Amino acid sequence: MRIVIAEDDALLREGLALLLRAESLDVVATVENPDAFLDAVDAEQPDVAIVDVRMPPTHTDEGITAAVEARRRRPELAVLVLSAYVEQAFAADLLAQGSARLGYLLKERVGRVEEFLDALHRVAEGGTAIDPEVVAQLLTRTRPDARLQRLSPREREVLALMAEGLGNTAVAERLVVTDGAVHKHIRNIFAKLDLAPTDRTDRRVAAVLHYLEDARHRA
């Protein structure tokens, strides 16, 4: 796995590089601004980019803009975005490009090494890793939608875990229920949200996130 890190905080940038190299991962470039990041993507052809949302010169949305451009140049590039706190508009901009090979995590997750590495590998393998806090806020924003009101509390829990990118077995383990119970909840969720069920996790997550984003714009 070839990785480029774009983070203007030198301590975090080098700390991430050390952590990943200790896991025998190949960090091919560490940069501190969007232009250097895009140059590194072109030159190094990485498999994964880890990108801070806020970077110079204005420290607003440069990281998101650069991540979207990097995905335009290399559609197969996996991107894991890091943010100090939930920024719904920026998350929505990135998710609008599709959810495959995409992660959006709060920086505090980096300190939980096992969770961070799990998210990184999930994204690199073509999946999705969305921070639970981002999912919770998107769900909060979309609750006025009548279809979401049809969901039971347990179905809301399952939907939130699905939107994080977890598969059926992982959802079952998190909720301490059987795989069969999760499968039943998912069938109910798709029926209540007027979404066609699918056995492919990536397509399922993409459909859920697409629905949440559409509902967010209607709210």
N, C-alpha and C. Protein backbone atom coordinates (compact mmCIF):
# COMPACT_ATOMS: atom_id res chain seq x y z
N MET A 1 0.84 -1.20 0.00
CA MET A 1 0.00 0.00 0.00
C MET A 1 0.88 1.26 0.00
N ARG A 2 0.80 2.04 -1.05
CA ARG A 2 1.56 3.28 -1.16
C ARG A 2 0.70 4.45 -0.69
N ILE A 3 1.23 5.26 0.23
CA ILE A 3 0.42 6.28 0.91
C ILE A 3 1.08 7.65 0.80
N VAL A 4 0.26 8.66 0.51
CA VAL A 4 0.68 10.06 0.58
C VAL A 4 -0.08 10.72 1.72
N ILE A 5 0.61 11.48 2.56
CA ILE A 5 -0.01 12.19 3.68
C ILE A 5 0.07 13.69 3.40
N ALA A 6 -1.09 14.37 3.46
CA ALA A 6 -1.15 15.82 3.30
C ALA A 6 -1.72 16.42 4.59
N GLU A 7 -0.86 17.03 5.38
CA GLU A 7 -1.24 17.57 6.69
C GLU A 7 -0.29 18.71 7.03
N ASP A 8 -0.84 19.90 7.35
CA ASP A 8 0.05 21.04 7.60
C ASP A 8 0.62 21.05 9.02
N ASP A 9 0.05 20.29 9.93
CA ASP A 9 0.59 20.17 11.28
C ASP A 9 1.76 19.18 11.23
N ALA A 10 2.98 19.71 11.38
CA ALA A 10 4.17 18.87 11.22
C ALA A 10 4.21 17.70 12.20
N LEU A 11 3.78 17.93 13.43
CA LEU A 11 3.82 16.88 14.43
C LEU A 11 2.89 15.74 14.06
N LEU A 12 1.66 16.07 13.67
CA LEU A 12 0.71 15.03 13.28
C LEU A 12 1.16 14.35 11.99
N ARG A 13 1.66 15.13 11.05
CA ARG A 13 2.10 14.57 9.77
C ARG A 13 3.20 13.53 9.97
N GLU A 14 4.22 13.88 10.73
CA GLU A 14 5.31 12.94 10.94
C GLU A 14 4.92 11.80 11.87
N GLY A 15 4.01 12.10 12.82
CA GLY A 15 3.52 11.04 13.69
C GLY A 15 2.76 9.98 12.91
N LEU A 16 1.93 10.42 11.97
CA LEU A 16 1.20 9.48 11.11
C LEU A 16 2.17 8.65 10.28
N ALA A 17 3.18 9.32 9.73
CA ALA A 17 4.15 8.59 8.91
C ALA A 17 4.87 7.51 9.73
N LEU A 18 5.28 7.85 10.93
CA LEU A 18 5.95 6.88 11.80
C LEU A 18 5.03 5.71 12.13
N LEU A 19 3.77 6.03 12.47
CA LEU A 19 2.80 4.99 12.80
C LEU A 19 2.61 4.02 11.64
N LEU A 20 2.43 4.56 10.45
CA LEU A 20 2.16 3.72 9.29
C LEU A 20 3.39 2.91 8.88
N ARG A 21 4.56 3.53 8.96
CA ARG A 21 5.77 2.79 8.62
C ARG A 21 6.04 1.67 9.63
N ALA A 22 5.65 1.89 10.88
CA ALA A 22 5.80 0.84 11.89
C ALA A 22 4.90 -0.35 11.58
N GLU A 23 3.83 -0.09 10.81
CA GLU A 23 2.92 -1.16 10.39
C GLU A 23 3.33 -1.75 9.03
N SER A 24 4.55 -1.41 8.61
CA SER A 24 5.11 -1.90 7.34
C SER A 24 4.36 -1.39 6.12
N LEU A 25 3.78 -0.20 6.24
CA LEU A 25 3.11 0.44 5.12
C LEU A 25 4.07 1.43 4.47
N ASP A 26 3.93 1.64 3.17
CA ASP A 26 4.87 2.44 2.41
C ASP A 26 4.37 3.88 2.27
N VAL A 27 4.88 4.78 3.12
CA VAL A 27 4.56 6.20 3.03
C VAL A 27 5.53 6.82 2.04
N VAL A 28 5.03 7.15 0.85
CA VAL A 28 5.92 7.59 -0.23
C VAL A 28 6.12 9.10 -0.25
N ALA A 29 5.24 9.86 0.45
CA ALA A 29 5.42 11.32 0.51
C ALA A 29 4.61 11.88 1.67
N THR A 30 5.18 12.89 2.32
CA THR A 30 4.46 13.66 3.34
C THR A 30 4.57 15.13 2.95
N VAL A 31 3.44 15.82 2.83
CA VAL A 31 3.44 17.20 2.34
C VAL A 31 2.58 18.07 3.25
N GLU A 32 2.72 19.40 3.10
CA GLU A 32 2.04 20.31 4.01
C GLU A 32 1.07 21.26 3.34
N ASN A 33 0.89 21.15 2.01
CA ASN A 33 -0.05 22.05 1.34
C ASN A 33 -0.69 21.35 0.15
N PRO A 34 -1.81 21.89 -0.35
CA PRO A 34 -2.55 21.23 -1.43
C PRO A 34 -1.77 21.07 -2.72
N ASP A 35 -0.99 22.09 -3.12
CA ASP A 35 -0.24 21.99 -4.37
C ASP A 35 0.79 20.86 -4.31
N ALA A 36 1.50 20.78 -3.19
CA ALA A 36 2.49 19.70 -3.02
C ALA A 36 1.79 18.34 -3.00
N PHE A 37 0.60 18.30 -2.43
CA PHE A 37 -0.16 17.05 -2.39
C PHE A 37 -0.49 16.56 -3.79
N LEU A 38 -1.03 17.46 -4.63
CA LEU A 38 -1.40 17.06 -5.98
C LEU A 38 -0.16 16.68 -6.80
N ASP A 39 0.94 17.38 -6.57
CA ASP A 39 2.19 17.01 -7.25
C ASP A 39 2.62 15.61 -6.83
N ALA A 40 2.48 15.29 -5.53
CA ALA A 40 2.87 13.97 -5.03
C ALA A 40 1.97 12.87 -5.59
N VAL A 41 0.68 13.17 -5.72
CA VAL A 41 -0.25 12.20 -6.30
C VAL A 41 0.15 11.88 -7.74
N ASP A 42 0.50 12.93 -8.51
CA ASP A 42 0.91 12.72 -9.90
C ASP A 42 2.24 11.96 -9.98
N ALA A 43 3.18 12.32 -9.11
CA ALA A 43 4.52 11.74 -9.21
C ALA A 43 4.62 10.34 -8.62
N GLU A 44 3.94 10.12 -7.49
CA GLU A 44 4.12 8.87 -6.74
C GLU A 44 3.07 7.81 -7.05
N GLN A 45 1.96 8.21 -7.66
CA GLN A 45 0.89 7.26 -7.99
C GLN A 45 0.50 6.42 -6.77
N PRO A 46 0.10 7.05 -5.66
CA PRO A 46 -0.21 6.30 -4.44
C PRO A 46 -1.52 5.51 -4.56
N ASP A 47 -1.66 4.55 -3.66
CA ASP A 47 -2.92 3.81 -3.55
C ASP A 47 -3.91 4.56 -2.66
N VAL A 48 -3.37 5.24 -1.63
CA VAL A 48 -4.20 5.92 -0.64
C VAL A 48 -3.63 7.30 -0.35
N ALA A 49 -4.52 8.28 -0.18
CA ALA A 49 -4.12 9.61 0.26
C ALA A 49 -4.82 9.91 1.59
N ILE A 50 -4.05 10.36 2.57
CA ILE A 50 -4.59 10.81 3.85
C ILE A 50 -4.49 12.33 3.84
N VAL A 51 -5.65 13.01 3.93
CA VAL A 51 -5.69 14.45 3.67
C VAL A 51 -6.40 15.19 4.79
N ASP A 52 -5.80 16.27 5.26
CA ASP A 52 -6.43 17.15 6.23
C ASP A 52 -7.44 18.04 5.51
N VAL A 53 -8.59 18.29 6.14
CA VAL A 53 -9.60 19.16 5.53
C VAL A 53 -9.07 20.58 5.35
N ARG A 54 -8.47 21.13 6.40
CA ARG A 54 -8.04 22.54 6.39
C ARG A 54 -6.53 22.63 6.23
N MET A 55 -6.13 23.26 5.12
CA MET A 55 -4.70 23.44 4.85
C MET A 55 -4.46 24.85 4.33
N PRO A 56 -3.18 25.26 4.25
CA PRO A 56 -2.86 26.59 3.74
C PRO A 56 -3.36 26.75 2.28
N PRO A 57 -3.60 28.00 1.82
CA PRO A 57 -3.28 29.23 2.55
C PRO A 57 -4.39 29.77 3.45
N THR A 58 -5.66 29.37 3.23
CA THR A 58 -6.75 29.98 4.00
C THR A 58 -7.23 29.10 5.15
N HIS A 59 -6.82 27.83 5.15
CA HIS A 59 -7.25 26.89 6.19
C HIS A 59 -8.78 26.76 6.26
N THR A 60 -9.40 26.69 5.09
CA THR A 60 -10.85 26.48 5.03
C THR A 60 -11.12 25.11 4.39
N ASP A 61 -11.28 25.09 3.05
CA ASP A 61 -11.64 23.83 2.40
C ASP A 61 -10.58 23.33 1.42
N GLU A 62 -9.34 23.82 1.55
CA GLU A 62 -8.30 23.43 0.59
C GLU A 62 -8.10 21.91 0.52
N GLY A 63 -8.17 21.25 1.67
CA GLY A 63 -7.96 19.81 1.67
C GLY A 63 -9.04 19.06 0.92
N ILE A 64 -10.29 19.46 1.14
CA ILE A 64 -11.40 18.82 0.42
C ILE A 64 -11.29 19.07 -1.07
N THR A 65 -11.01 20.32 -1.44
CA THR A 65 -10.87 20.66 -2.86
C THR A 65 -9.77 19.85 -3.51
N ALA A 66 -8.64 19.72 -2.80
CA ALA A 66 -7.52 18.95 -3.34
C ALA A 66 -7.87 17.47 -3.44
N ALA A 67 -8.60 16.95 -2.44
CA ALA A 67 -9.00 15.54 -2.46
C ALA A 67 -9.91 15.24 -3.64
N VAL A 68 -10.87 16.14 -3.89
CA VAL A 68 -11.78 15.97 -5.03
C VAL A 68 -11.00 16.00 -6.34
N GLU A 69 -10.05 16.94 -6.45
CA GLU A 69 -9.23 17.03 -7.67
C GLU A 69 -8.35 15.79 -7.83
N ALA A 70 -7.80 15.29 -6.73
CA ALA A 70 -6.96 14.08 -6.81
C ALA A 70 -7.77 12.89 -7.30
N ARG A 71 -9.03 12.79 -6.83
CA ARG A 71 -9.89 11.70 -7.28
C ARG A 71 -10.27 11.88 -8.74
N ARG A 72 -10.37 13.13 -9.20
CA ARG A 72 -10.67 13.37 -10.61
C ARG A 72 -9.51 12.87 -11.47
N ARG A 73 -8.28 13.16 -11.02
CA ARG A 73 -7.10 12.75 -11.77
C ARG A 73 -6.86 11.24 -11.70
N ARG A 74 -7.14 10.67 -10.52
CA ARG A 74 -6.93 9.23 -10.32
C ARG A 74 -8.18 8.64 -9.67
N PRO A 75 -9.18 8.26 -10.48
CA PRO A 75 -10.45 7.77 -9.94
C PRO A 75 -10.29 6.57 -9.02
N GLU A 76 -9.21 5.81 -9.19
CA GLU A 76 -9.01 4.63 -8.35
C GLU A 76 -8.35 4.96 -7.02
N LEU A 77 -7.98 6.22 -6.81
CA LEU A 77 -7.30 6.61 -5.57
C LEU A 77 -8.25 6.52 -4.38
N ALA A 78 -7.80 5.85 -3.32
CA ALA A 78 -8.55 5.83 -2.07
C ALA A 78 -8.17 7.07 -1.26
N VAL A 79 -9.15 7.72 -0.64
CA VAL A 79 -8.91 8.96 0.10
C VAL A 79 -9.48 8.84 1.50
N LEU A 80 -8.64 9.10 2.50
CA LEU A 80 -9.07 9.14 3.89
C LEU A 80 -8.87 10.57 4.38
N VAL A 81 -9.98 11.28 4.60
CA VAL A 81 -9.93 12.68 5.02
C VAL A 81 -9.97 12.76 6.54
N LEU A 82 -9.14 13.63 7.10
CA LEU A 82 -9.11 13.86 8.54
C LEU A 82 -9.58 15.27 8.84
N SER A 83 -10.39 15.42 9.89
CA SER A 83 -10.90 16.73 10.27
C SER A 83 -10.88 16.87 11.78
N ALA A 84 -10.63 18.08 12.26
CA ALA A 84 -10.60 18.31 13.71
C ALA A 84 -11.99 18.18 14.32
N TYR A 85 -13.02 18.48 13.54
CA TYR A 85 -14.39 18.34 14.02
C TYR A 85 -15.30 18.13 12.82
N VAL A 86 -16.57 17.80 13.06
CA VAL A 86 -17.50 17.49 11.98
C VAL A 86 -17.80 18.74 11.17
N GLU A 87 -17.54 18.67 9.88
CA GLU A 87 -17.85 19.76 8.97
C GLU A 87 -18.79 19.19 7.91
N GLN A 88 -20.09 19.34 8.14
CA GLN A 88 -21.08 18.64 7.33
C GLN A 88 -21.00 19.01 5.86
N ALA A 89 -20.84 20.30 5.56
CA ALA A 89 -20.82 20.71 4.16
C ALA A 89 -19.64 20.09 3.43
N PHE A 90 -18.46 20.05 4.08
CA PHE A 90 -17.28 19.49 3.44
C PHE A 90 -17.44 17.99 3.25
N ALA A 91 -18.02 17.33 4.24
CA ALA A 91 -18.26 15.88 4.12
C ALA A 91 -19.19 15.61 2.94
N ALA A 92 -20.23 16.43 2.81
CA ALA A 92 -21.20 16.26 1.72
C ALA A 92 -20.54 16.46 0.37
N ASP A 93 -19.65 17.45 0.25
CA ASP A 93 -18.96 17.70 -1.01
C ASP A 93 -18.17 16.48 -1.45
N LEU A 94 -17.49 15.85 -0.51
CA LEU A 94 -16.69 14.68 -0.83
C LEU A 94 -17.56 13.47 -1.15
N LEU A 95 -18.61 13.26 -0.35
CA LEU A 95 -19.49 12.11 -0.55
C LEU A 95 -20.24 12.21 -1.87
N ALA A 96 -20.43 13.45 -2.37
CA ALA A 96 -21.12 13.63 -3.64
C ALA A 96 -20.36 12.99 -4.79
N GLN A 97 -19.06 12.76 -4.60
CA GLN A 97 -18.25 12.14 -5.65
C GLN A 97 -18.36 10.62 -5.63
N GLY A 98 -19.11 10.06 -4.68
CA GLY A 98 -19.22 8.61 -4.53
C GLY A 98 -18.54 8.13 -3.27
N SER A 99 -19.03 7.05 -2.69
CA SER A 99 -18.54 6.61 -1.38
C SER A 99 -17.49 5.52 -1.43
N ALA A 100 -17.27 4.88 -2.60
CA ALA A 100 -16.27 3.82 -2.68
C ALA A 100 -14.87 4.39 -2.48
N ARG A 101 -14.04 3.65 -1.74
CA ARG A 101 -12.65 4.05 -1.48
C ARG A 101 -12.58 5.42 -0.81
N LEU A 102 -13.49 5.66 0.12
CA LEU A 102 -13.56 6.97 0.75
C LEU A 102 -13.73 6.85 2.26
N GLY A 103 -12.96 7.65 3.01
CA GLY A 103 -13.12 7.70 4.46
C GLY A 103 -13.14 9.14 4.93
N TYR A 104 -13.88 9.40 6.00
CA TYR A 104 -13.94 10.74 6.61
C TYR A 104 -13.94 10.52 8.12
N LEU A 105 -12.81 10.83 8.76
CA LEU A 105 -12.65 10.57 10.18
C LEU A 105 -12.28 11.84 10.94
N LEU A 106 -12.71 11.91 12.19
CA LEU A 106 -12.23 12.95 13.07
C LEU A 106 -10.79 12.62 13.48
N LYS A 107 -9.98 13.65 13.67
CA LYS A 107 -8.57 13.43 13.99
C LYS A 107 -8.39 12.67 15.30
N GLU A 108 -9.35 12.79 16.20
CA GLU A 108 -9.22 12.09 17.48
C GLU A 108 -9.18 10.58 17.29
N ARG A 109 -9.68 10.09 16.14
CA ARG A 109 -9.66 8.65 15.88
C ARG A 109 -8.25 8.14 15.65
N VAL A 110 -7.35 9.03 15.20
CA VAL A 110 -5.97 8.61 14.92
C VAL A 110 -5.34 8.03 16.18
N GLY A 111 -5.69 8.60 17.35
CA GLY A 111 -5.14 8.11 18.61
C GLY A 111 -5.64 6.73 18.96
N ARG A 112 -6.75 6.32 18.38
CA ARG A 112 -7.26 4.96 18.57
C ARG A 112 -6.71 4.13 17.42
N VAL A 113 -5.48 3.69 17.58
CA VAL A 113 -4.71 3.16 16.47
C VAL A 113 -5.42 2.03 15.74
N GLU A 114 -5.99 1.10 16.48
CA GLU A 114 -6.64 -0.06 15.84
C GLU A 114 -7.80 0.40 14.96
N GLU A 115 -8.62 1.34 15.46
CA GLU A 115 -9.75 1.85 14.67
C GLU A 115 -9.26 2.59 13.44
N PHE A 116 -8.22 3.40 13.61
CA PHE A 116 -7.69 4.16 12.49
C PHE A 116 -7.15 3.24 11.40
N LEU A 117 -6.37 2.23 11.79
CA LEU A 117 -5.81 1.32 10.81
C LEU A 117 -6.89 0.49 10.13
N ASP A 118 -7.92 0.12 10.89
CA ASP A 118 -9.04 -0.61 10.29
C ASP A 118 -9.72 0.25 9.22
N ALA A 119 -9.93 1.53 9.52
CA ALA A 119 -10.55 2.43 8.55
C ALA A 119 -9.67 2.59 7.32
N LEU A 120 -8.36 2.74 7.53
CA LEU A 120 -7.44 2.90 6.42
C LEU A 120 -7.46 1.69 5.49
N HIS A 121 -7.40 0.50 6.06
CA HIS A 121 -7.41 -0.72 5.25
C HIS A 121 -8.76 -0.89 4.54
N ARG A 122 -9.84 -0.55 5.23
CA ARG A 122 -11.17 -0.68 4.62
C ARG A 122 -11.28 0.20 3.38
N VAL A 123 -10.80 1.44 3.50
CA VAL A 123 -10.85 2.37 2.38
C VAL A 123 -9.94 1.90 1.24
N ALA A 124 -8.73 1.45 1.60
CA ALA A 124 -7.78 0.98 0.59
C ALA A 124 -8.32 -0.22 -0.18
N GLU A 125 -9.16 -1.01 0.47
CA GLU A 125 -9.71 -2.21 -0.17
C GLU A 125 -10.99 -1.93 -0.94
N GLY A 126 -11.36 -0.65 -1.05
CA GLY A 126 -12.52 -0.29 -1.87
C GLY A 126 -13.77 0.02 -1.10
N GLY A 127 -13.69 0.01 0.23
CA GLY A 127 -14.87 0.25 1.06
C GLY A 127 -15.00 1.69 1.50
N THR A 128 -15.79 1.88 2.55
CA THR A 128 -16.10 3.20 3.07
C THR A 128 -15.88 3.21 4.58
N ALA A 129 -15.38 4.33 5.09
CA ALA A 129 -15.19 4.47 6.54
C ALA A 129 -15.58 5.89 6.93
N ILE A 130 -16.78 6.03 7.44
CA ILE A 130 -17.29 7.35 7.83
C ILE A 130 -17.38 7.41 9.34
N ASP A 131 -16.83 8.48 9.93
CA ASP A 131 -16.82 8.63 11.38
C ASP A 131 -18.24 8.58 11.93
N PRO A 132 -18.46 7.84 13.02
CA PRO A 132 -19.80 7.75 13.60
C PRO A 132 -20.41 9.12 13.92
N GLU A 133 -19.60 10.09 14.31
CA GLU A 133 -20.13 11.41 14.64
C GLU A 133 -20.64 12.13 13.39
N VAL A 134 -19.98 11.92 12.26
CA VAL A 134 -20.46 12.50 11.00
C VAL A 134 -21.81 11.89 10.64
N VAL A 135 -21.89 10.56 10.75
CA VAL A 135 -23.15 9.88 10.45
C VAL A 135 -24.27 10.37 11.35
N ALA A 136 -23.97 10.50 12.65
CA ALA A 136 -25.00 10.95 13.60
C ALA A 136 -25.52 12.32 13.24
N GLN A 137 -24.64 13.23 12.84
CA GLN A 137 -25.08 14.58 12.51
C GLN A 137 -25.86 14.62 11.20
N LEU A 138 -25.45 13.79 10.22
CA LEU A 138 -26.22 13.72 8.99
C LEU A 138 -27.61 13.16 9.26
N LEU A 139 -27.68 12.14 10.11
CA LEU A 139 -28.98 11.58 10.46
C LEU A 139 -29.85 12.62 11.17
N THR A 140 -29.25 13.39 12.06
CA THR A 140 -29.99 14.43 12.77
C THR A 140 -30.55 15.45 11.80
N ARG A 141 -29.73 15.82 10.80
CA ARG A 141 -30.17 16.81 9.83
C ARG A 141 -31.32 16.29 8.98
N THR A 142 -31.39 14.96 8.78
CA THR A 142 -32.38 14.42 7.86
C THR A 142 -33.62 13.88 8.56
N ARG A 143 -33.71 13.95 9.88
CA ARG A 143 -34.83 13.33 10.58
C ARG A 143 -36.21 13.83 10.18
N PRO A 144 -36.39 15.09 9.72
CA PRO A 144 -37.73 15.50 9.31
C PRO A 144 -38.29 14.68 8.15
N ASP A 145 -37.45 14.03 7.36
CA ASP A 145 -37.93 13.24 6.24
C ASP A 145 -38.86 12.13 6.73
N ALA A 146 -40.00 12.00 6.10
CA ALA A 146 -41.03 11.05 6.54
C ALA A 146 -40.54 9.62 6.52
N ARG A 147 -39.71 9.30 5.53
CA ARG A 147 -39.25 7.91 5.43
C ARG A 147 -38.35 7.51 6.59
N LEU A 148 -37.50 8.42 7.04
CA LEU A 148 -36.66 8.10 8.19
C LEU A 148 -37.50 7.94 9.46
N GLN A 149 -38.61 8.65 9.51
CA GLN A 149 -39.49 8.53 10.67
C GLN A 149 -40.12 7.15 10.75
N ARG A 150 -40.13 6.42 9.65
CA ARG A 150 -40.70 5.07 9.65
C ARG A 150 -39.80 4.06 10.39
N LEU A 151 -38.52 4.39 10.55
CA LEU A 151 -37.58 3.44 11.12
C LEU A 151 -37.75 3.32 12.63
N SER A 152 -37.60 2.09 13.12
CA SER A 152 -37.60 1.85 14.56
C SER A 152 -36.26 2.30 15.14
N PRO A 153 -36.15 2.47 16.45
CA PRO A 153 -34.86 2.84 17.05
C PRO A 153 -33.75 1.86 16.69
N ARG A 154 -34.04 0.57 16.70
CA ARG A 154 -33.01 -0.42 16.35
C ARG A 154 -32.62 -0.28 14.88
N GLU A 155 -33.58 -0.04 14.01
CA GLU A 155 -33.27 0.13 12.59
C GLU A 155 -32.41 1.37 12.37
N ARG A 156 -32.63 2.44 13.18
CA ARG A 156 -31.77 3.63 13.10
C ARG A 156 -30.34 3.28 13.48
N GLU A 157 -30.18 2.45 14.51
CA GLU A 157 -28.84 2.04 14.92
C GLU A 157 -28.15 1.27 13.80
N VAL A 158 -28.88 0.35 13.18
CA VAL A 158 -28.32 -0.44 12.10
C VAL A 158 -27.96 0.46 10.92
N LEU A 159 -28.83 1.40 10.58
CA LEU A 159 -28.57 2.32 9.47
C LEU A 159 -27.31 3.14 9.73
N ALA A 160 -27.15 3.63 10.95
CA ALA A 160 -25.97 4.42 11.29
C ALA A 160 -24.69 3.60 11.11
N LEU A 161 -24.71 2.34 11.54
CA LEU A 161 -23.54 1.48 11.39
C LEU A 161 -23.28 1.13 9.93
N MET A 162 -24.35 0.94 9.16
CA MET A 162 -24.20 0.72 7.72
C MET A 162 -23.53 1.91 7.07
N ALA A 163 -23.96 3.11 7.45
CA ALA A 163 -23.41 4.33 6.85
C ALA A 163 -21.95 4.53 7.22
N GLU A 164 -21.52 3.95 8.34
CA GLU A 164 -20.09 4.00 8.69
C GLU A 164 -19.27 3.10 7.78
N GLY A 165 -19.94 2.17 7.08
CA GLY A 165 -19.24 1.27 6.18
C GLY A 165 -19.11 -0.14 6.70
N LEU A 166 -19.80 -0.46 7.80
CA LEU A 166 -19.70 -1.80 8.37
C LEU A 166 -20.56 -2.79 7.61
N GLY A 167 -20.05 -4.01 7.46
CA GLY A 167 -20.82 -5.08 6.86
C GLY A 167 -21.72 -5.74 7.88
N ASN A 168 -22.52 -6.72 7.43
CA ASN A 168 -23.51 -7.35 8.31
C ASN A 168 -22.90 -7.96 9.56
N THR A 169 -21.80 -8.69 9.40
CA THR A 169 -21.20 -9.36 10.55
C THR A 169 -20.69 -8.35 11.56
N ALA A 170 -20.05 -7.27 11.08
CA ALA A 170 -19.54 -6.24 11.97
C ALA A 170 -20.68 -5.53 12.70
N VAL A 171 -21.79 -5.30 12.01
CA VAL A 171 -22.96 -4.68 12.65
C VAL A 171 -23.50 -5.60 13.74
N ALA A 172 -23.59 -6.89 13.43
CA ALA A 172 -24.09 -7.86 14.41
C ALA A 172 -23.20 -7.89 15.65
N GLU A 173 -21.89 -7.86 15.44
CA GLU A 173 -20.97 -7.88 16.58
C GLU A 173 -21.11 -6.62 17.42
N ARG A 174 -21.27 -5.47 16.76
CA ARG A 174 -21.38 -4.20 17.49
C ARG A 174 -22.66 -4.16 18.33
N LEU A 175 -23.75 -4.70 17.79
CA LEU A 175 -25.04 -4.64 18.48
C LEU A 175 -25.31 -5.89 19.33
N VAL A 176 -24.40 -6.87 19.24
CA VAL A 176 -24.54 -8.14 19.97
C VAL A 176 -25.87 -8.81 19.62
N VAL A 177 -26.07 -8.98 18.32
CA VAL A 177 -27.24 -9.70 17.82
C VAL A 177 -26.75 -10.69 16.75
N THR A 178 -27.65 -11.50 16.22
CA THR A 178 -27.27 -12.49 15.21
C THR A 178 -27.20 -11.85 13.83
N ASP A 179 -26.47 -12.50 12.92
CA ASP A 179 -26.43 -12.04 11.54
C ASP A 179 -27.83 -12.04 10.93
N GLY A 180 -28.62 -13.03 11.29
CA GLY A 180 -29.98 -13.11 10.76
C GLY A 180 -30.82 -11.91 11.17
N ALA A 181 -30.65 -11.47 12.43
CA ALA A 181 -31.41 -10.31 12.90
C ALA A 181 -30.99 -9.06 12.14
N VAL A 182 -29.69 -8.91 11.88
CA VAL A 182 -29.21 -7.75 11.13
C VAL A 182 -29.76 -7.78 9.71
N HIS A 183 -29.73 -8.95 9.09
CA HIS A 183 -30.25 -9.08 7.72
C HIS A 183 -31.73 -8.68 7.68
N LYS A 184 -32.49 -9.07 8.67
CA LYS A 184 -33.91 -8.71 8.72
C LYS A 184 -34.08 -7.20 8.88
N HIS A 185 -33.29 -6.59 9.77
CA HIS A 185 -33.37 -5.14 9.96
C HIS A 185 -33.03 -4.40 8.66
N ILE A 186 -32.01 -4.89 7.95
CA ILE A 186 -31.61 -4.23 6.71
C ILE A 186 -32.70 -4.33 5.65
N ARG A 187 -33.34 -5.48 5.55
CA ARG A 187 -34.46 -5.62 4.61
C ARG A 187 -35.54 -4.60 4.95
N ASN A 188 -35.85 -4.46 6.24
CA ASN A 188 -36.87 -3.50 6.65
C ASN A 188 -36.46 -2.07 6.34
N ILE A 189 -35.19 -1.75 6.57
CA ILE A 189 -34.69 -0.39 6.31
C ILE A 189 -34.85 -0.04 4.84
N PHE A 190 -34.39 -0.92 3.96
CA PHE A 190 -34.49 -0.62 2.54
C PHE A 190 -35.94 -0.51 2.09
N ALA A 191 -36.80 -1.34 2.66
CA ALA A 191 -38.22 -1.26 2.30
C ALA A 191 -38.82 0.07 2.74
N LYS A 192 -38.50 0.48 3.97
CA LYS A 192 -39.06 1.73 4.51
C LYS A 192 -38.49 2.97 3.84
N LEU A 193 -37.26 2.87 3.35
CA LEU A 193 -36.64 4.01 2.68
C LEU A 193 -36.83 3.97 1.16
N ASP A 194 -37.61 2.99 0.70
CA ASP A 194 -37.87 2.85 -0.74
C ASP A 194 -36.58 2.65 -1.53
N LEU A 195 -35.65 1.88 -0.95
CA LEU A 195 -34.38 1.57 -1.60
C LEU A 195 -34.31 0.08 -1.87
N ALA A 196 -33.85 -0.28 -3.05
CA ALA A 196 -33.75 -1.70 -3.39
C ALA A 196 -32.62 -2.34 -2.60
N PRO A 197 -32.86 -3.47 -1.94
CA PRO A 197 -31.81 -4.14 -1.17
C PRO A 197 -30.75 -4.72 -2.10
N THR A 198 -29.55 -4.90 -1.59
CA THR A 198 -28.46 -5.48 -2.36
C THR A 198 -27.55 -6.23 -1.41
N ASP A 199 -26.91 -7.26 -1.91
CA ASP A 199 -26.00 -8.05 -1.08
C ASP A 199 -24.58 -7.51 -1.11
N ARG A 200 -24.31 -6.50 -1.95
CA ARG A 200 -22.96 -5.95 -2.05
C ARG A 200 -22.83 -4.77 -1.11
N THR A 201 -21.92 -4.90 -0.13
CA THR A 201 -21.80 -3.89 0.91
C THR A 201 -21.53 -2.50 0.35
N ASP A 202 -20.61 -2.36 -0.62
CA ASP A 202 -20.28 -1.04 -1.14
C ASP A 202 -21.48 -0.36 -1.77
N ARG A 203 -22.25 -1.12 -2.55
CA ARG A 203 -23.43 -0.54 -3.18
C ARG A 203 -24.47 -0.16 -2.14
N ARG A 204 -24.58 -0.97 -1.10
CA ARG A 204 -25.54 -0.68 -0.04
C ARG A 204 -25.19 0.61 0.67
N VAL A 205 -23.91 0.75 1.05
CA VAL A 205 -23.47 1.97 1.73
C VAL A 205 -23.65 3.17 0.82
N ALA A 206 -23.31 3.03 -0.46
CA ALA A 206 -23.46 4.14 -1.39
C ALA A 206 -24.91 4.58 -1.48
N ALA A 207 -25.84 3.63 -1.50
CA ALA A 207 -27.26 3.97 -1.59
C ALA A 207 -27.71 4.70 -0.33
N VAL A 208 -27.26 4.23 0.83
CA VAL A 208 -27.65 4.87 2.09
C VAL A 208 -27.11 6.30 2.14
N LEU A 209 -25.83 6.47 1.82
CA LEU A 209 -25.23 7.80 1.87
C LEU A 209 -25.85 8.73 0.82
N HIS A 210 -26.17 8.20 -0.35
CA HIS A 210 -26.82 9.01 -1.38
C HIS A 210 -28.19 9.47 -0.89
N TYR A 211 -28.92 8.57 -0.26
CA TYR A 211 -30.23 8.95 0.28
C TYR A 211 -30.09 10.03 1.35
N LEU A 212 -29.14 9.86 2.26
CA LEU A 212 -28.95 10.84 3.33
C LEU A 212 -28.59 12.21 2.76
N GLU A 213 -27.75 12.22 1.73
CA GLU A 213 -27.34 13.50 1.14
C GLU A 213 -28.51 14.16 0.42
N ASP A 214 -29.31 13.38 -0.31
CA ASP A 214 -30.48 13.95 -0.98
C ASP A 214 -31.45 14.55 0.05
N ALA A 215 -31.64 13.80 1.12
CA ALA A 215 -32.55 14.28 2.16
C ALA A 215 -32.02 15.54 2.85
N ARG A 216 -30.67 15.59 3.01
CA ARG A 216 -30.07 16.77 3.64
C ARG A 216 -30.34 18.02 2.81
N HIS A 217 -30.28 17.90 1.48
CA HIS A 217 -30.53 19.05 0.62
C HIS A 217 -32.00 19.44 0.62
N ARG A 218 -32.88 18.45 0.83
CA ARG A 218 -34.31 18.78 0.85
C ARG A 218 -34.74 19.40 2.17
N ALA A 219 -33.91 19.14 3.26
CA ALA A 219 -34.30 19.63 4.59
C ALA A 219 -34.26 21.16 4.65
